[in-house]
Amino acid sequence: MPPEFPLQVVLDYRDRLVDALEIEMSCLLKARQRVQDLLDALKGELANLYNELRCSQTGDLDLVKIGQLRANIEYVDDYIARQEGEIARLDQQIEAKRQELIKARQDEEMLEILKEKAIETYEEDQKIKEGRAQDDIYITSHYQKLVKEEE
């Protein structure tokens, strides 16, 4: 059984860090999807308001209704702009988190490679020790045969 990897505590920490970063990344992606869904709904609502405004501007004109529709269009348009800003902010956070996650995974992989190399080195040392022990057994048994033959 190989000895405990001296950097196992660091490897465990890196593993937990990668897990935490993946959870944070997932939360950011979900938040972005919610904002995107809201943005899509707002754009649909804006299209409906423009269509309703177009219909209101034909035939008998109701200036109060037209004014209200324009106010609603401006409000929805401003809300769309805020949501697009929120998406841009979330995209920046997602990219930063992605870079952080990539770095953390690389660090974890480096430690995993070091651990594997430590295990390989241990196994090679064990093979060498076993070979030496085997050689000692053969030498001893051969020496004992020689001693018995001389007697």
C-alpha atoms as a PDB file:
ATOM      1  CA  MET A   1       0.000   0.000   0.000  1.00  0.00           C
ATOM      2  CA  PRO A   2       1.535   3.292  -1.048  1.00  0.00           C
ATOM      3  CA  PRO A   3       2.216   5.904   1.623  1.00  0.00           C
ATOM      4  CA  GLU A   4      -0.131   8.829   1.927  1.00  0.00           C
ATOM      5  CA  PHE A   5       0.493  11.527  -0.648  1.00  0.00           C
ATOM      6  CA  PRO A   6       2.144  14.429   1.217  1.00  0.00           C
ATOM      7  CA  LEU A   7       0.054  17.018  -0.644  1.00  0.00           C
ATOM      8  CA  GLN A   8      -3.247  15.161  -0.168  1.00  0.00           C
ATOM      9  CA  VAL A   9      -4.631  17.984   1.983  1.00  0.00           C
ATOM     10  CA  VAL A  10      -3.898  20.472  -0.788  1.00  0.00           C
ATOM     11  CA  LEU A  11      -5.398  18.123  -3.384  1.00  0.00           C
ATOM     12  CA  ASP A  12      -8.565  17.750  -1.296  1.00  0.00           C
ATOM     13  CA  TYR A  13      -8.765  21.526  -0.922  1.00  0.00           C
ATOM     14  CA  ARG A  14      -8.374  22.003  -4.675  1.00  0.00           C
ATOM     15  CA  ASP A  15     -11.064  19.411  -5.308  1.00  0.00           C
ATOM     16  CA  ARG A  16     -13.470  21.209  -2.977  1.00  0.00           C
ATOM     17  CA  LEU A  17     -12.544  24.527  -4.597  1.00  0.00           C
ATOM     18  CA  VAL A  18     -13.316  23.161  -8.075  1.00  0.00           C
ATOM     19  CA  ASP A  19     -16.667  21.847  -6.809  1.00  0.00           C
ATOM     20  CA  ALA A  20     -17.519  25.225  -5.261  1.00  0.00           C
ATOM     21  CA  LEU A  21     -16.538  27.070  -8.434  1.00  0.00           C
ATOM     22  CA  GLU A  22     -18.652  24.725 -10.545  1.00  0.00           C
ATOM     23  CA  ILE A  23     -21.641  25.436  -8.288  1.00  0.00           C
ATOM     24  CA  GLU A  24     -21.046  29.197  -8.526  1.00  0.00           C
ATOM     25  CA  MET A  25     -20.709  28.921 -12.306  1.00  0.00           C
ATOM     26  CA  SER A  26     -23.964  26.984 -12.464  1.00  0.00           C
ATOM     27  CA  CYS A  27     -25.738  29.650 -10.403  1.00  0.00           C
ATOM     28  CA  LEU A  28     -24.428  32.391 -12.687  1.00  0.00           C
ATOM     29  CA  LEU A  29     -25.555  30.480 -15.775  1.00  0.00           C
ATOM     30  CA  LYS A  30     -29.008  29.953 -14.275  1.00  0.00           C
ATOM     31  CA  ALA A  31     -29.265  33.645 -13.392  1.00  0.00           C
ATOM     32  CA  ARG A  32     -28.242  34.569 -16.932  1.00  0.00           C
ATOM     33  CA  GLN A  33     -30.852  32.200 -18.352  1.00  0.00           C
ATOM     34  CA  ARG A  34     -33.557  33.743 -16.137  1.00  0.00           C
ATOM     35  CA  VAL A  35     -32.585  37.252 -17.294  1.00  0.00           C
ATOM     36  CA  GLN A  36     -32.482  36.061 -20.910  1.00  0.00           C
ATOM     37  CA  ASP A  37     -35.965  34.539 -20.556  1.00  0.00           C
ATOM     38  CA  LEU A  38     -37.224  37.800 -19.072  1.00  0.00           C
ATOM     39  CA  LEU A  39     -35.566  39.746 -21.875  1.00  0.00           C
ATOM     40  CA  ASP A  40     -37.199  37.519 -24.490  1.00  0.00           C
ATOM     41  CA  ALA A  41     -40.593  38.028 -22.816  1.00  0.00           C
ATOM     42  CA  LEU A  42     -40.042  41.789 -22.700  1.00  0.00           C
ATOM     43  CA  LYS A  43     -39.142  41.875 -26.386  1.00  0.00           C
ATOM     44  CA  GLY A  44     -42.331  39.942 -27.127  1.00  0.00           C
ATOM     45  CA  GLU A  45     -44.300  42.408 -25.021  1.00  0.00           C
ATOM     46  CA  LEU A  46     -42.639  45.318 -26.829  1.00  0.00           C
ATOM     47  CA  ALA A  47     -43.613  43.833 -30.187  1.00  0.00           C
ATOM     48  CA  ASN A  48     -47.197  43.478 -28.909  1.00  0.00           C
ATOM     49  CA  LEU A  49     -47.221  47.095 -27.729  1.00  0.00           C
ATOM     50  CA  TYR A  50     -45.935  48.334 -31.097  1.00  0.00           C
ATOM     51  CA  ASN A  51     -48.585  46.255 -32.853  1.00  0.00           C
ATOM     52  CA  GLU A  52     -51.281  47.648 -30.564  1.00  0.00           C
ATOM     53  CA  LEU A  53     -49.973  51.187 -31.163  1.00  0.00           C
ATOM     54  CA  ARG A  54     -50.085  50.643 -34.920  1.00  0.00           C
ATOM     55  CA  CYS A  55     -53.676  49.449 -34.646  1.00  0.00           C
ATOM     56  CA  SER A  56     -54.575  52.408 -32.418  1.00  0.00           C
ATOM     57  CA  GLN A  57     -53.282  54.866 -34.976  1.00  0.00           C
ATOM     58  CA  THR A  58     -55.771  53.750 -37.600  1.00  0.00           C
ATOM     59  CA  GLY A  59     -59.390  54.786 -37.678  1.00  0.00           C
ATOM     60  CA  ASP A  60     -60.661  56.862 -34.734  1.00  0.00           C
ATOM     61  CA  LEU A  61     -57.684  58.143 -32.765  1.00  0.00           C
ATOM     62  CA  ASP A  62     -57.761  57.812 -28.983  1.00  0.00           C
ATOM     63  CA  LEU A  63     -54.933  60.110 -27.966  1.00  0.00           C
ATOM     64  CA  VAL A  64     -55.049  59.031 -24.326  1.00  0.00           C
ATOM     65  CA  LYS A  65     -54.660  55.380 -25.309  1.00  0.00           C
ATOM     66  CA  ILE A  66     -51.892  56.230 -27.784  1.00  0.00           C
ATOM     67  CA  GLY A  67     -50.086  58.284 -25.114  1.00  0.00           C
ATOM     68  CA  GLN A  68     -50.393  55.418 -22.640  1.00  0.00           C
ATOM     69  CA  LEU A  69     -49.107  52.922 -25.202  1.00  0.00           C
ATOM     70  CA  ARG A  70     -46.095  55.148 -25.948  1.00  0.00           C
ATOM     71  CA  ALA A  71     -45.383  55.489 -22.230  1.00  0.00           C
ATOM     72  CA  ASN A  72     -45.615  51.716 -21.880  1.00  0.00           C
ATOM     73  CA  ILE A  73     -43.295  51.266 -24.868  1.00  0.00           C
ATOM     74  CA  GLU A  74     -40.737  53.634 -23.326  1.00  0.00           C
ATOM     75  CA  TYR A  75     -40.976  51.843 -19.971  1.00  0.00           C
ATOM     76  CA  VAL A  76     -40.546  48.393 -21.562  1.00  0.00           C
ATOM     77  CA  ASP A  77     -37.734  49.702 -23.769  1.00  0.00           C
ATOM     78  CA  ASP A  78     -35.896  51.065 -20.695  1.00  0.00           C
ATOM     79  CA  TYR A  79     -36.484  47.782 -18.878  1.00  0.00           C
ATOM     80  CA  ILE A  80     -35.075  45.888 -21.878  1.00  0.00           C
ATOM     81  CA  ALA A  81     -31.970  48.105 -21.815  1.00  0.00           C
ATOM     82  CA  ARG A  82     -31.485  47.377 -18.082  1.00  0.00           C
ATOM     83  CA  GLN A  83     -31.864  43.649 -18.697  1.00  0.00           C
ATOM     84  CA  GLU A  84     -29.359  43.773 -21.561  1.00  0.00           C
ATOM     85  CA  GLY A  85     -26.963  45.546 -19.185  1.00  0.00           C
ATOM     86  CA  GLU A  86     -27.585  42.831 -16.614  1.00  0.00           C
ATOM     87  CA  ILE A  87     -26.835  40.156 -19.215  1.00  0.00           C
ATOM     88  CA  ALA A  88     -23.580  41.916 -20.118  1.00  0.00           C
ATOM     89  CA  ARG A  89     -22.640  42.080 -16.422  1.00  0.00           C
ATOM     90  CA  LEU A  90     -23.488  38.402 -15.945  1.00  0.00           C
ATOM     91  CA  ASP A  91     -21.507  37.489 -19.072  1.00  0.00           C
ATOM     92  CA  GLN A  92     -18.456  39.215 -17.576  1.00  0.00           C
ATOM     93  CA  GLN A  93     -18.945  37.389 -14.271  1.00  0.00           C
ATOM     94  CA  ILE A  94     -19.408  34.081 -16.078  1.00  0.00           C
ATOM     95  CA  GLU A  95     -16.215  34.575 -18.082  1.00  0.00           C
ATOM     96  CA  ALA A  96     -14.263  35.530 -14.962  1.00  0.00           C
ATOM     97  CA  LYS A  97     -15.641  32.484 -13.134  1.00  0.00           C
ATOM     98  CA  ARG A  98     -14.837  30.293 -16.152  1.00  0.00           C
ATOM     99  CA  GLN A  99     -11.215  31.465 -16.084  1.00  0.00           C
ATOM    100  CA  GLU A 100     -11.048  30.883 -12.335  1.00  0.00           C
ATOM    101  CA  LEU A 101     -12.513  27.412 -12.782  1.00  0.00           C
ATOM    102  CA  ILE A 102     -10.040  26.553 -15.558  1.00  0.00           C
ATOM    103  CA  LYS A 103      -7.129  27.642 -13.345  1.00  0.00           C
ATOM    104  CA  ALA A 104      -8.457  25.644 -10.393  1.00  0.00           C
ATOM    105  CA  ARG A 105      -8.922  22.538 -12.556  1.00  0.00           C
ATOM    106  CA  GLN A 106      -5.394  22.887 -13.931  1.00  0.00           C
ATOM    107  CA  ASP A 107      -4.014  23.163 -10.399  1.00  0.00           C
ATOM    108  CA  GLU A 108      -6.010  20.117  -9.348  1.00  0.00           C
ATOM    109  CA  GLU A 109      -4.833  18.130 -12.376  1.00  0.00           C
ATOM    110  CA  MET A 110      -1.230  19.086 -11.642  1.00  0.00           C
ATOM    111  CA  LEU A 111      -1.577  17.736  -8.109  1.00  0.00           C
ATOM    112  CA  GLU A 112      -3.243  14.572  -9.433  1.00  0.00           C
ATOM    113  CA  ILE A 113      -0.284  14.052 -11.766  1.00  0.00           C
ATOM    114  CA  LEU A 114       2.120  14.553  -8.865  1.00  0.00           C
ATOM    115  CA  LYS A 115       0.151  12.028  -6.833  1.00  0.00           C
ATOM    116  CA  GLU A 116       0.241   9.486  -9.671  1.00  0.00           C
ATOM    117  CA  LYS A 117       3.984  10.013 -10.079  1.00  0.00           C
ATOM    118  CA  ALA A 118       4.485   9.525  -6.335  1.00  0.00           C
ATOM    119  CA  ILE A 119       2.544   6.258  -6.520  1.00  0.00           C
ATOM    120  CA  GLU A 120       4.546   5.148  -9.569  1.00  0.00           C
ATOM    121  CA  THR A 121       7.805   5.961  -7.774  1.00  0.00           C
ATOM    122  CA  TYR A 122       6.663   4.027  -4.715  1.00  0.00           C
ATOM    123  CA  GLU A 123       5.701   1.028  -6.842  1.00  0.00           C
ATOM    124  CA  GLU A 124       9.027   1.126  -8.687  1.00  0.00           C
ATOM    125  CA  ASP A 125      10.866   1.253  -5.345  1.00  0.00           C
ATOM    126  CA  GLN A 126       8.805  -1.706  -4.148  1.00  0.00           C
ATOM    127  CA  LYS A 127       9.683  -3.671  -7.293  1.00  0.00           C
ATOM    128  CA  ILE A 128      13.371  -2.915  -6.781  1.00  0.00           C
ATOM    129  CA  LYS A 129      13.152  -4.016  -3.128  1.00  0.00           C
ATOM    130  CA  GLU A 130      11.286  -7.174  -4.114  1.00  0.00           C
ATOM    131  CA  GLY A 131      13.915  -7.888  -6.789  1.00  0.00           C
ATOM    132  CA  ARG A 132      16.711  -7.438  -4.268  1.00  0.00           C
ATOM    133  CA  ALA A 133      14.926  -9.659  -1.773  1.00  0.00           C
ATOM    134  CA  GLN A 134      14.421 -12.264  -4.493  1.00  0.00           C
ATOM    135  CA  ASP A 135      18.121 -12.020  -5.398  1.00  0.00           C
ATOM    136  CA  ASP A 136      19.074 -12.420  -1.741  1.00  0.00           C
ATOM    137  CA  ILE A 137      16.891 -15.528  -1.515  1.00  0.00           C
ATOM    138  CA  TYR A 138      18.499 -17.041  -4.621  1.00  0.00           C
ATOM    139  CA  ILE A 139      22.012 -16.191  -3.426  1.00  0.00           C
ATOM    140  CA  THR A 140      21.316 -17.629   0.018  1.00  0.00           C
ATOM    141  CA  SER A 141      19.795 -20.804  -1.345  1.00  0.00           C
ATOM    142  CA  HIS A 142      22.687 -21.218  -3.803  1.00  0.00           C
ATOM    143  CA  TYR A 143      25.214 -20.609  -1.019  1.00  0.00           C
ATOM    144  CA  GLN A 144      23.462 -23.163   1.183  1.00  0.00           C
ATOM    145  CA  LYS A 145      23.634 -25.726  -1.675  1.00  0.00           C
ATOM    146  CA  LEU A 146      27.311 -25.094  -2.069  1.00  0.00           C
ATOM    147  CA  VAL A 147      27.904 -25.499   1.651  1.00  0.00           C
ATOM    148  CA  LYS A 148      25.926 -28.776   1.695  1.00  0.00           C
ATOM    149  CA  GLU A 149      27.850 -30.060  -1.319  1.00  0.00           C
ATOM    150  CA  GLU A 150      31.210 -29.320   0.345  1.00  0.00           C
ATOM    151  CA  GLU A 151      30.230 -31.248   3.482  1.00  0.00           C
END
